[in-house]
Amino acid sequence: MVELEREDGDRWIVLGTADGVRRIGIQKGSTTLGSVHLDLACSPPEFEAEITRLIELGAELKLPARHEPYGSIANLADPDGNPFDLCAYQ
């Protein structure tokens, strides 16, 4: 992967493929649980199946998936309670 974006004084970094497809976003935070927030990306047609796959792997869906102007997003947490988002960008 390559770095695609860097925002807010290096607080937010987006990595993706060399052709510009966003794959993961890393957001720095404090040193408490969930202080590094990941955004994982998939294609829009994969979104619903990917939510199901992540839940089967032990993630918990924290809020119902929603659709925003930039794409779809689901708020989840890993088995240790660390929050992350699944994004399907338009």
PDB file of N, CA and C in Angstrom:
ATOM      1  N   MET A   1       0.843  -1.182   0.000  1.00  0.00           N
ATOM      2  CA  MET A   1       0.000   0.000   0.000  1.00  0.00           C
ATOM      3  C   MET A   1       0.885   1.242   0.000  1.00  0.00           C
ATOM      4  N   VAL A   2       0.279   2.328  -0.427  1.00  0.00           N
ATOM      5  CA  VAL A   2       0.964   3.616  -0.450  1.00  0.00           C
ATOM      6  C   VAL A   2       0.133   4.642   0.311  1.00  0.00           C
ATOM      7  N   GLU A   3       0.793   5.684   0.783  1.00  0.00           N
ATOM      8  CA  GLU A   3       0.078   6.758   1.465  1.00  0.00           C
ATOM      9  C   GLU A   3      -0.663   7.589   0.431  1.00  0.00           C
ATOM     10  N   LEU A   4      -1.966   7.794   0.660  1.00  0.00           N
ATOM     11  CA  LEU A   4      -2.798   8.572  -0.259  1.00  0.00           C
ATOM     12  C   LEU A   4      -3.118   9.955   0.287  1.00  0.00           C
ATOM     13  N   GLU A   5      -3.286  10.051   1.601  1.00  0.00           N
ATOM     14  CA  GLU A   5      -3.671  11.323   2.228  1.00  0.00           C
ATOM     15  C   GLU A   5      -3.042  11.429   3.599  1.00  0.00           C
ATOM     16  N   ARG A   6      -2.860  12.673   4.031  1.00  0.00           N
ATOM     17  CA  ARG A   6      -2.411  12.964   5.390  1.00  0.00           C
ATOM     18  C   ARG A   6      -3.124  14.249   5.777  1.00  0.00           C
ATOM     19  N   GLU A   7      -3.862  14.220   6.878  1.00  0.00           N
ATOM     20  CA  GLU A   7      -4.669  15.368   7.279  1.00  0.00           C
ATOM     21  C   GLU A   7      -4.424  15.737   8.732  1.00  0.00           C
ATOM     22  N   ASP A   8      -4.807  16.924   9.068  1.00  0.00           N
ATOM     23  CA  ASP A   8      -4.858  17.390  10.462  1.00  0.00           C
ATOM     24  C   ASP A   8      -3.539  17.167  11.193  1.00  0.00           C
ATOM     25  N   GLY A   9      -2.439  17.642  10.590  1.00  0.00           N
ATOM     26  CA  GLY A   9      -1.140  17.517  11.238  1.00  0.00           C
ATOM     27  C   GLY A   9      -0.724  16.087  11.509  1.00  0.00           C
ATOM     28  N   ASP A  10      -0.915  15.216  10.575  1.00  0.00           N
ATOM     29  CA  ASP A  10      -0.566  13.788  10.674  1.00  0.00           C
ATOM     30  C   ASP A  10      -1.456  13.003  11.632  1.00  0.00           C
ATOM     31  N   ARG A  11      -2.578  13.567  12.057  1.00  0.00           N
ATOM     32  CA  ARG A  11      -3.497  12.843  12.941  1.00  0.00           C
ATOM     33  C   ARG A  11      -4.287  11.797  12.160  1.00  0.00           C
ATOM     34  N   TRP A  12      -4.407  11.964  10.851  1.00  0.00           N
ATOM     35  CA  TRP A  12      -5.221  11.087  10.013  1.00  0.00           C
ATOM     36  C   TRP A  12      -4.418  10.728   8.775  1.00  0.00           C
ATOM     37  N   ILE A  13      -4.171   9.437   8.555  1.00  0.00           N
ATOM     38  CA  ILE A  13      -3.399   8.973   7.405  1.00  0.00           C
ATOM     39  C   ILE A  13      -4.227   7.925   6.672  1.00  0.00           C
ATOM     40  N   VAL A  14      -4.301   8.043   5.348  1.00  0.00           N
ATOM     41  CA  VAL A  14      -5.049   7.093   4.531  1.00  0.00           C
ATOM     42  C   VAL A  14      -4.062   6.350   3.633  1.00  0.00           C
ATOM     43  N   LEU A  15      -4.143   5.020   3.656  1.00  0.00           N
ATOM     44  CA  LEU A  15      -3.317   4.165   2.809  1.00  0.00           C
ATOM     45  C   LEU A  15      -4.207   3.480   1.792  1.00  0.00           C
ATOM     46  N   GLY A  16      -3.634   3.180   0.638  1.00  0.00           N
ATOM     47  CA  GLY A  16      -4.396   2.500  -0.399  1.00  0.00           C
ATOM     48  C   GLY A  16      -3.494   1.924  -1.465  1.00  0.00           C
ATOM     49  N   THR A  17      -4.112   1.543  -2.554  1.00  0.00           N
ATOM     50  CA  THR A  17      -3.370   0.953  -3.663  1.00  0.00           C
ATOM     51  C   THR A  17      -2.711   2.047  -4.491  1.00  0.00           C
ATOM     52  N   ALA A  18      -1.748   1.656  -5.287  1.00  0.00           N
ATOM     53  CA  ALA A  18      -1.001   2.623  -6.106  1.00  0.00           C
ATOM     54  C   ALA A  18      -1.898   3.362  -7.089  1.00  0.00           C
ATOM     55  N   ASP A  19      -3.043   2.770  -7.456  1.00  0.00           N
ATOM     56  CA  ASP A  19      -3.959   3.440  -8.389  1.00  0.00           C
ATOM     57  C   ASP A  19      -4.989   4.315  -7.676  1.00  0.00           C
ATOM     58  N   GLY A  20      -4.795   4.549  -6.358  1.00  0.00           N
ATOM     59  CA  GLY A  20      -5.620   5.507  -5.636  1.00  0.00           C
ATOM     60  C   GLY A  20      -6.832   4.961  -4.919  1.00  0.00           C
ATOM     61  N   VAL A  21      -6.991   3.645  -4.829  1.00  0.00           N
ATOM     62  CA  VAL A  21      -8.134   3.059  -4.121  1.00  0.00           C
ATOM     63  C   VAL A  21      -7.832   3.050  -2.628  1.00  0.00           C
ATOM     64  N   ARG A  22      -8.685   3.740  -1.844  1.00  0.00           N
ATOM     65  CA  ARG A  22      -8.502   3.816  -0.387  1.00  0.00           C
ATOM     66  C   ARG A  22      -8.776   2.450   0.230  1.00  0.00           C
ATOM     67  N   ARG A  23      -7.875   2.019   1.120  1.00  0.00           N
ATOM     68  CA  ARG A  23      -8.041   0.721   1.767  1.00  0.00           C
ATOM     69  C   ARG A  23      -8.074   0.806   3.283  1.00  0.00           C
ATOM     70  N   ILE A  24      -7.310   1.704   3.889  1.00  0.00           N
ATOM     71  CA  ILE A  24      -7.296   1.790   5.347  1.00  0.00           C
ATOM     72  C   ILE A  24      -6.976   3.228   5.756  1.00  0.00           C
ATOM     73  N   GLY A  25      -7.697   3.697   6.768  1.00  0.00           N
ATOM     74  CA  GLY A  25      -7.429   5.003   7.344  1.00  0.00           C
ATOM     75  C   GLY A  25      -7.034   4.827   8.795  1.00  0.00           C
ATOM     76  N   ILE A  26      -6.012   5.529   9.235  1.00  0.00           N
ATOM     77  CA  ILE A  26      -5.518   5.423  10.594  1.00  0.00           C
ATOM     78  C   ILE A  26      -5.618   6.799  11.239  1.00  0.00           C
ATOM     79  N   GLN A  27      -6.312   6.873  12.354  1.00  0.00           N
ATOM     80  CA  GLN A  27      -6.521   8.131  13.054  1.00  0.00           C
ATOM     81  C   GLN A  27      -5.879   8.027  14.430  1.00  0.00           C
ATOM     82  N   LYS A  28      -4.919   8.902  14.731  1.00  0.00           N
ATOM     83  CA  LYS A  28      -4.259   8.905  16.042  1.00  0.00           C
ATOM     84  C   LYS A  28      -5.192   9.477  17.095  1.00  0.00           C
ATOM     85  N   GLY A  29      -5.033   8.980  18.315  1.00  0.00           N
ATOM     86  CA  GLY A  29      -5.798   9.493  19.436  1.00  0.00           C
ATOM     87  C   GLY A  29      -4.946   9.473  20.690  1.00  0.00           C
ATOM     88  N   SER A  30      -5.593   9.443  21.841  1.00  0.00           N
ATOM     89  CA  SER A  30      -4.873   9.372  23.118  1.00  0.00           C
ATOM     90  C   SER A  30      -4.377   7.944  23.342  1.00  0.00           C
ATOM     91  N   THR A  31      -3.915   7.637  24.528  1.00  0.00           N
ATOM     92  CA  THR A  31      -3.386   6.301  24.814  1.00  0.00           C
ATOM     93  C   THR A  31      -4.408   5.422  25.534  1.00  0.00           C
ATOM     94  N   THR A  32      -5.691   5.686  25.332  1.00  0.00           N
ATOM     95  CA  THR A  32      -6.735   4.878  25.958  1.00  0.00           C
ATOM     96  C   THR A  32      -7.315   3.894  24.950  1.00  0.00           C
ATOM     97  N   LEU A  33      -8.157   2.979  25.432  1.00  0.00           N
ATOM     98  CA  LEU A  33      -8.808   2.002  24.576  1.00  0.00           C
ATOM     99  C   LEU A  33      -9.462   2.696  23.391  1.00  0.00           C
ATOM    100  N   GLY A  34      -9.192   2.199  22.215  1.00  0.00           N
ATOM    101  CA  GLY A  34      -9.787   2.771  21.020  1.00  0.00           C
ATOM    102  C   GLY A  34      -9.139   4.058  20.562  1.00  0.00           C
ATOM    103  N   SER A  35      -7.945   4.362  21.066  1.00  0.00           N
ATOM    104  CA  SER A  35      -7.343   5.653  20.747  1.00  0.00           C
ATOM    105  C   SER A  35      -6.796   5.718  19.325  1.00  0.00           C
ATOM    106  N   VAL A  36      -6.540   4.595  18.710  1.00  0.00           N
ATOM    107  CA  VAL A  36      -6.209   4.564  17.293  1.00  0.00           C
ATOM    108  C   VAL A  36      -7.432   4.013  16.598  1.00  0.00           C
ATOM    109  N   HIS A  37      -7.990   4.806  15.727  1.00  0.00           N
ATOM    110  CA  HIS A  37      -9.237   4.431  15.067  1.00  0.00           C
ATOM    111  C   HIS A  37      -8.942   4.068  13.624  1.00  0.00           C
ATOM    112  N   LEU A  38      -9.334   2.870  13.213  1.00  0.00           N
ATOM    113  CA  LEU A  38      -9.123   2.417  11.846  1.00  0.00           C
ATOM    114  C   LEU A  38     -10.407   2.530  11.044  1.00  0.00           C
ATOM    115  N   ASP A  39     -10.260   2.927   9.803  1.00  0.00           N
ATOM    116  CA  ASP A  39     -11.324   2.828   8.808  1.00  0.00           C
ATOM    117  C   ASP A  39     -10.861   1.813   7.784  1.00  0.00           C
ATOM    118  N   LEU A  40     -11.582   0.706   7.677  1.00  0.00           N
ATOM    119  CA  LEU A  40     -11.291  -0.301   6.673  1.00  0.00           C
ATOM    120  C   LEU A  40     -12.211  -0.063   5.482  1.00  0.00           C
ATOM    121  N   ALA A  41     -11.711  -0.263   4.279  1.00  0.00           N
ATOM    122  CA  ALA A  41     -12.501   0.043   3.083  1.00  0.00           C
ATOM    123  C   ALA A  41     -12.752  -1.214   2.261  1.00  0.00           C
ATOM    124  N   CYS A  42     -13.913  -1.223   1.635  1.00  0.00           N
ATOM    125  CA  CYS A  42     -14.272  -2.256   0.673  1.00  0.00           C
ATOM    126  C   CYS A  42     -15.048  -1.581  -0.445  1.00  0.00           C
ATOM    127  N   SER A  43     -15.333  -2.316  -1.496  1.00  0.00           N
ATOM    128  CA  SER A  43     -16.113  -1.739  -2.588  1.00  0.00           C
ATOM    129  C   SER A  43     -17.592  -1.724  -2.196  1.00  0.00           C
ATOM    130  N   PRO A  44     -18.377  -0.813  -2.770  1.00  0.00           N
ATOM    131  CA  PRO A  44     -19.808  -0.772  -2.425  1.00  0.00           C
ATOM    132  C   PRO A  44     -20.533  -2.112  -2.584  1.00  0.00           C
ATOM    133  N   PRO A  45     -20.277  -2.898  -3.651  1.00  0.00           N
ATOM    134  CA  PRO A  45     -20.991  -4.180  -3.744  1.00  0.00           C
ATOM    135  C   PRO A  45     -20.610  -5.189  -2.665  1.00  0.00           C
ATOM    136  N   GLU A  46     -19.442  -5.020  -2.040  1.00  0.00           N
ATOM    137  CA  GLU A  46     -18.977  -5.944  -0.996  1.00  0.00           C
ATOM    138  C   GLU A  46     -19.459  -5.560   0.399  1.00  0.00           C
ATOM    139  N   PHE A  47     -20.029  -4.370   0.562  1.00  0.00           N
ATOM    140  CA  PHE A  47     -20.274  -3.781   1.876  1.00  0.00           C
ATOM    141  C   PHE A  47     -21.086  -4.684   2.804  1.00  0.00           C
ATOM    142  N   GLU A  48     -22.254  -5.104   2.423  1.00  0.00           N
ATOM    143  CA  GLU A  48     -23.121  -5.904   3.311  1.00  0.00           C
ATOM    144  C   GLU A  48     -22.478  -7.240   3.663  1.00  0.00           C
ATOM    145  N   ALA A  49     -21.885  -7.913   2.675  1.00  0.00           N
ATOM    146  CA  ALA A  49     -21.236  -9.201   2.933  1.00  0.00           C
ATOM    147  C   ALA A  49     -20.022  -9.023   3.845  1.00  0.00           C
ATOM    148  N   GLU A  50     -19.323  -7.911   3.706  1.00  0.00           N
ATOM    149  CA  GLU A  50     -18.148  -7.667   4.543  1.00  0.00           C
ATOM    150  C   GLU A  50     -18.548  -7.407   5.994  1.00  0.00           C
ATOM    151  N   ILE A  51     -19.673  -6.717   6.205  1.00  0.00           N
ATOM    152  CA  ILE A  51     -20.176  -6.545   7.575  1.00  0.00           C
ATOM    153  C   ILE A  51     -20.450  -7.917   8.200  1.00  0.00           C
ATOM    154  N   THR A  52     -21.133  -8.767   7.466  1.00  0.00           N
ATOM    155  CA  THR A  52     -21.445 -10.114   7.948  1.00  0.00           C
ATOM    156  C   THR A  52     -20.175 -10.886   8.258  1.00  0.00           C
ATOM    157  N   ARG A  53     -19.185 -10.817   7.370  1.00  0.00           N
ATOM    158  CA  ARG A  53     -17.912 -11.524   7.570  1.00  0.00           C
ATOM    159  C   ARG A  53     -17.208 -11.029   8.828  1.00  0.00           C
ATOM    160  N   LEU A  54     -17.176  -9.713   9.035  1.00  0.00           N
ATOM    161  CA  LEU A  54     -16.504  -9.164  10.222  1.00  0.00           C
ATOM    162  C   LEU A  54     -17.206  -9.589  11.508  1.00  0.00           C
ATOM    163  N   ILE A  55     -18.533  -9.616  11.491  1.00  0.00           N
ATOM    164  CA  ILE A  55     -19.287 -10.075  12.669  1.00  0.00           C
ATOM    165  C   ILE A  55     -18.996 -11.548  12.940  1.00  0.00           C
ATOM    166  N   GLU A  56     -18.928 -12.356  11.885  1.00  0.00           N
ATOM    167  CA  GLU A  56     -18.609 -13.777  12.055  1.00  0.00           C
ATOM    168  C   GLU A  56     -17.203 -13.972  12.627  1.00  0.00           C
ATOM    169  N   LEU A  57     -16.306 -13.013  12.384  1.00  0.00           N
ATOM    170  CA  LEU A  57     -14.944 -13.073  12.920  1.00  0.00           C
ATOM    171  C   LEU A  57     -14.855 -12.542  14.351  1.00  0.00           C
ATOM    172  N   GLY A  58     -15.978 -12.031  14.899  1.00  0.00           N
ATOM    173  CA  GLY A  58     -15.991 -11.585  16.292  1.00  0.00           C
ATOM    174  C   GLY A  58     -16.245 -10.109  16.503  1.00  0.00           C
ATOM    175  N   ALA A  59     -16.385  -9.344  15.430  1.00  0.00           N
ATOM    176  CA  ALA A  59     -16.683  -7.910  15.582  1.00  0.00           C
ATOM    177  C   ALA A  59     -18.131  -7.737  16.031  1.00  0.00           C
ATOM    178  N   GLU A  60     -18.404  -6.593  16.635  1.00  0.00           N
ATOM    179  CA  GLU A  60     -19.762  -6.241  17.049  1.00  0.00           C
ATOM    180  C   GLU A  60     -20.195  -4.987  16.290  1.00  0.00           C
ATOM    181  N   LEU A  61     -21.361  -5.038  15.683  1.00  0.00           N
ATOM    182  CA  LEU A  61     -21.918  -3.868  15.008  1.00  0.00           C
ATOM    183  C   LEU A  61     -22.464  -2.934  16.077  1.00  0.00           C
ATOM    184  N   LYS A  62     -21.897  -1.728  16.193  1.00  0.00           N
ATOM    185  CA  LYS A  62     -22.267  -0.794  17.249  1.00  0.00           C
ATOM    186  C   LYS A  62     -23.469   0.072  16.894  1.00  0.00           C
ATOM    187  N   LEU A  63     -23.606   0.423  15.623  1.00  0.00           N
ATOM    188  CA  LEU A  63     -24.728   1.227  15.128  1.00  0.00           C
ATOM    189  C   LEU A  63     -25.165   0.647  13.794  1.00  0.00           C
ATOM    190  N   PRO A  64     -26.410   0.821  13.408  1.00  0.00           N
ATOM    191  CA  PRO A  64     -26.830   0.355  12.087  1.00  0.00           C
ATOM    192  C   PRO A  64     -25.993   1.027  10.996  1.00  0.00           C
ATOM    193  N   ALA A  65     -25.690   0.276   9.950  1.00  0.00           N
ATOM    194  CA  ALA A  65     -24.948   0.846   8.815  1.00  0.00           C
ATOM    195  C   ALA A  65     -25.742   2.010   8.246  1.00  0.00           C
ATOM    196  N   ARG A  66     -25.035   3.006   7.745  1.00  0.00           N
ATOM    197  CA  ARG A  66     -25.715   4.172   7.178  1.00  0.00           C
ATOM    198  C   ARG A  66     -25.068   4.552   5.851  1.00  0.00           C
ATOM    199  N   HIS A  67     -25.809   5.319   5.093  1.00  0.00           N
ATOM    200  CA  HIS A  67     -25.352   5.735   3.766  1.00  0.00           C
ATOM    201  C   HIS A  67     -25.223   7.251   3.762  1.00  0.00           C
ATOM    202  N   GLU A  68     -24.014   7.717   3.470  1.00  0.00           N
ATOM    203  CA  GLU A  68     -23.670   9.129   3.448  1.00  0.00           C
ATOM    204  C   GLU A  68     -23.356   9.545   2.011  1.00  0.00           C
ATOM    205  N   PRO A  69     -23.224  10.842   1.747  1.00  0.00           N
ATOM    206  CA  PRO A  69     -22.891  11.281   0.384  1.00  0.00           C
ATOM    207  C   PRO A  69     -21.595  10.667  -0.159  1.00  0.00           C
ATOM    208  N   TYR A  70     -20.629  10.404   0.716  1.00  0.00           N
ATOM    209  CA  TYR A  70     -19.348   9.849   0.269  1.00  0.00           C
ATOM    210  C   TYR A  70     -19.378   8.332   0.138  1.00  0.00           C
ATOM    211  N   GLY A  71     -20.405   7.672   0.682  1.00  0.00           N
ATOM    212  CA  GLY A  71     -20.497   6.219   0.613  1.00  0.00           C
ATOM    213  C   GLY A  71     -21.200   5.656   1.828  1.00  0.00           C
ATOM    214  N   SER A  72     -21.003   4.374   2.077  1.00  0.00           N
ATOM    215  CA  SER A  72     -21.636   3.688   3.206  1.00  0.00           C
ATOM    216  C   SER A  72     -20.626   3.494   4.318  1.00  0.00           C
ATOM    217  N   ILE A  73     -21.131   3.462   5.568  1.00  0.00           N
ATOM    218  CA  ILE A  73     -20.249   3.292   6.726  1.00  0.00           C
ATOM    219  C   ILE A  73     -20.959   2.458   7.788  1.00  0.00           C
ATOM    220  N   ALA A  74     -20.189   1.580   8.403  1.00  0.00           N
ATOM    221  CA  ALA A  74     -20.685   0.777   9.525  1.00  0.00           C
ATOM    222  C   ALA A  74     -19.703   0.953  10.674  1.00  0.00           C
ATOM    223  N   ASN A  75     -20.219   1.247  11.865  1.00  0.00           N
ATOM    224  CA  ASN A  75     -19.402   1.397  13.069  1.00  0.00           C
ATOM    225  C   ASN A  75     -19.386   0.060  13.803  1.00  0.00           C
ATOM    226  N   LEU A  76     -18.197  -0.494  13.987  1.00  0.00           N
ATOM    227  CA  LEU A  76     -18.029  -1.786  14.635  1.00  0.00           C
ATOM    228  C   LEU A  76     -16.998  -1.677  15.748  1.00  0.00           C
ATOM    229  N   ALA A  77     -16.855  -2.766  16.510  1.00  0.00           N
ATOM    230  CA  ALA A  77     -15.795  -2.879  17.511  1.00  0.00           C
ATOM    231  C   ALA A  77     -15.223  -4.284  17.427  1.00  0.00           C
ATOM    232  N   ASP A  78     -13.911  -4.388  17.650  1.00  0.00           N
ATOM    233  CA  ASP A  78     -13.280  -5.704  17.654  1.00  0.00           C
ATOM    234  C   ASP A  78     -13.617  -6.424  18.961  1.00  0.00           C
ATOM    235  N   PRO A  79     -13.227  -7.695  19.115  1.00  0.00           N
ATOM    236  CA  PRO A  79     -13.576  -8.432  20.335  1.00  0.00           C
ATOM    237  C   PRO A  79     -13.058  -7.801  21.633  1.00  0.00           C
ATOM    238  N   ASP A  80     -12.038  -6.944  21.544  1.00  0.00           N
ATOM    239  CA  ASP A  80     -11.524  -6.257  22.725  1.00  0.00           C
ATOM    240  C   ASP A  80     -12.200  -4.913  22.968  1.00  0.00           C
ATOM    241  N   GLY A  81     -13.151  -4.552  22.116  1.00  0.00           N
ATOM    242  CA  GLY A  81     -13.881  -3.301  22.288  1.00  0.00           C
ATOM    243  C   GLY A  81     -13.318  -2.108  21.545  1.00  0.00           C
ATOM    244  N   ASN A  82     -12.249  -2.304  20.765  1.00  0.00           N
ATOM    245  CA  ASN A  82     -11.665  -1.205  20.008  1.00  0.00           C
ATOM    246  C   ASN A  82     -12.552  -0.868  18.805  1.00  0.00           C
ATOM    247  N   PRO A  83     -12.991   0.383  18.694  1.00  0.00           N
ATOM    248  CA  PRO A  83     -13.884   0.750  17.586  1.00  0.00           C
ATOM    249  C   PRO A  83     -13.139   0.856  16.260  1.00  0.00           C
ATOM    250  N   PHE A  84     -13.843   0.531  15.192  1.00  0.00           N
ATOM    251  CA  PHE A  84     -13.346   0.735  13.838  1.00  0.00           C
ATOM    252  C   PHE A  84     -14.544   0.890  12.918  1.00  0.00           C
ATOM    253  N   ASP A  85     -14.312   1.410  11.730  1.00  0.00           N
ATOM    254  CA  ASP A  85     -15.382   1.605  10.752  1.00  0.00           C
ATOM    255  C   ASP A  85     -15.083   0.813   9.497  1.00  0.00           C
ATOM    256  N   LEU A  86     -16.132   0.315   8.879  1.00  0.00           N
ATOM    257  CA  LEU A  86     -16.051  -0.252   7.546  1.00  0.00           C
ATOM    258  C   LEU A  86     -16.670   0.770   6.606  1.00  0.00           C
ATOM    259  N   CYS A  87     -15.919   1.167   5.592  1.00  0.00           N
ATOM    260  CA  CYS A  87     -16.373   2.196   4.649  1.00  0.00           C
ATOM    261  C   CYS A  87     -16.376   1.636   3.232  1.00  0.00           C
ATOM    262  N   ALA A  88     -17.414   1.995   2.502  1.00  0.00           N
ATOM    263  CA  ALA A  88     -17.481   1.668   1.073  1.00  0.00           C
ATOM    264  C   ALA A  88     -17.655   2.993   0.347  1.00  0.00           C
ATOM    265  N   TYR A  89     -16.538   3.549  -0.091  1.00  0.00           N
ATOM    266  CA  TYR A  89     -16.558   4.864  -0.731  1.00  0.00           C
ATOM    267  C   TYR A  89     -17.154   4.799  -2.124  1.00  0.00           C
ATOM    268  N   GLN A  90     -17.903   5.839  -2.485  1.00  0.00           N
ATOM    269  CA  GLN A  90     -18.482   5.933  -3.826  1.00  0.00           C
ATOM    270  C   GLN A  90     -17.418   6.297  -4.821  1.00  0.00           C
TER     271      GLN A  90
END
